[in-house]
Amino acid sequence: MLQTQSFCSPPATEVAQALLLNNPIAVVRHRRLRHYLVGAPDNVQQAIDRLHLLGYLERISWSHAIDIPASGLIIRPDVGDVLRYSQRDRLVG
């Protein structure tokens, strides 16, 4: 007498639900904080390098340099955003 046993795997949705129940993951919500560096190209790059060395932001997370038009910039805030600005003079030479 030959016996066979078969196994039918549950649908993918059931597997996914079982994994989620067995491995609860805390949902972390982030609030966006945007950084803007405006200045001479060398000074901006130096600030990026320092922030990287401090472990605050990776160099690769910054955009490429964008030329600022003579008419200036417009910043579009998200609801409830505020703007704080600090200026630091640097010695030239």
Protein backbone atom coordinates (compact mmCIF):
# COMPACT_ATOMS: atom_id res chain seq x y z
CA MET A 1 0.00 0.00 0.00
CA LEU A 2 1.38 3.40 -0.99
CA GLN A 3 0.56 6.41 1.14
CA THR A 4 1.12 9.99 0.08
CA GLN A 5 0.86 13.05 2.18
CA SER A 6 0.50 16.49 0.69
CA PHE A 7 1.03 19.89 2.17
CA CYS A 8 -0.73 22.95 0.88
CA SER A 9 0.89 26.21 1.92
CA PRO A 10 -1.43 28.94 3.17
CA PRO A 11 -2.04 31.95 0.96
CA ALA A 12 0.58 34.69 1.10
CA THR A 13 -1.72 37.01 3.04
CA GLU A 14 -2.09 34.49 5.85
CA VAL A 15 1.68 34.02 6.00
CA ALA A 16 2.24 37.77 6.12
CA GLN A 17 -0.32 38.21 8.91
CA ALA A 18 1.27 35.41 10.93
CA LEU A 19 4.70 37.01 10.56
CA LEU A 20 3.38 40.38 11.68
CA LEU A 21 1.71 38.88 14.74
CA ASN A 22 4.85 36.99 15.72
CA ASN A 23 7.20 39.92 15.09
CA PRO A 24 5.60 43.15 16.24
CA ILE A 25 7.50 46.16 14.97
CA ALA A 26 7.12 49.55 16.57
CA VAL A 27 6.03 52.13 14.04
CA VAL A 28 8.33 55.11 14.32
CA ARG A 29 6.93 58.40 13.14
CA HIS A 30 9.33 61.04 11.94
CA ARG A 31 8.89 64.76 11.69
CA ARG A 32 10.71 66.25 8.79
CA LEU A 33 13.43 68.79 9.49
CA ARG A 34 14.86 70.45 6.42
CA HIS A 35 18.32 71.97 6.41
CA TYR A 36 19.33 74.75 4.05
CA LEU A 37 22.91 75.92 3.64
CA VAL A 38 23.39 79.16 1.75
CA GLY A 39 26.82 80.65 1.21
CA ALA A 40 29.98 80.46 -0.85
CA PRO A 41 30.44 76.98 -2.36
CA ASP A 42 33.59 76.27 -0.32
CA ASN A 43 31.93 77.31 2.93
CA VAL A 44 28.81 75.24 2.20
CA GLN A 45 30.93 72.17 1.44
CA GLN A 46 32.94 72.68 4.63
CA ALA A 47 29.71 72.85 6.66
CA ILE A 48 28.50 69.63 5.01
CA ASP A 49 31.82 67.95 5.82
CA ARG A 50 31.64 69.03 9.46
CA LEU A 51 28.06 67.80 9.86
CA HIS A 52 29.18 64.48 8.40
CA LEU A 53 32.15 64.21 10.77
CA LEU A 54 29.81 64.89 13.70
CA GLY A 55 27.66 61.97 12.53
CA TYR A 56 24.68 64.26 12.05
CA LEU A 57 24.09 63.97 8.29
CA GLU A 58 25.71 61.89 5.58
CA ARG A 59 27.36 63.80 2.76
CA ILE A 60 25.32 61.86 0.23
CA SER A 61 22.04 63.13 1.72
CA TRP A 62 22.70 66.66 0.42
CA SER A 63 21.57 67.79 -3.01
CA HIS A 64 24.00 69.03 -5.60
CA ALA A 65 24.75 72.76 -5.55
CA ILE A 66 21.88 74.83 -6.90
CA ASP A 67 22.53 78.31 -8.23
CA ILE A 68 20.36 80.92 -6.53
CA PRO A 69 18.59 83.20 -9.01
CA ALA A 70 18.89 86.96 -8.60
CA SER A 71 15.19 87.07 -7.67
CA GLY A 72 15.89 84.93 -4.58
CA LEU A 73 14.27 81.76 -3.25
CA ILE A 74 10.78 80.78 -2.18
CA ILE A 75 10.46 78.20 0.60
CA ARG A 76 7.17 76.31 0.71
CA PRO A 77 6.46 75.26 4.29
CA ASP A 78 4.40 72.33 5.51
CA VAL A 79 1.46 73.21 7.78
CA GLY A 80 2.75 74.40 11.16
CA ASP A 81 6.37 74.83 10.02
CA VAL A 82 8.50 77.64 11.38
CA LEU A 83 11.80 79.01 10.13
CA ARG A 84 14.83 79.79 12.26
CA TYR A 85 17.94 81.23 10.74
CA SER A 86 21.41 81.74 12.06
CA GLN A 87 24.24 83.56 10.42
CA ARG A 88 27.90 83.14 11.18
CA ASP A 89 30.58 85.31 9.63
CA ARG A 90 33.71 83.51 8.52
CA LEU A 91 37.18 84.92 8.16
CA VAL A 92 38.31 85.19 4.57
CA GLY A 93 41.92 84.76 3.68
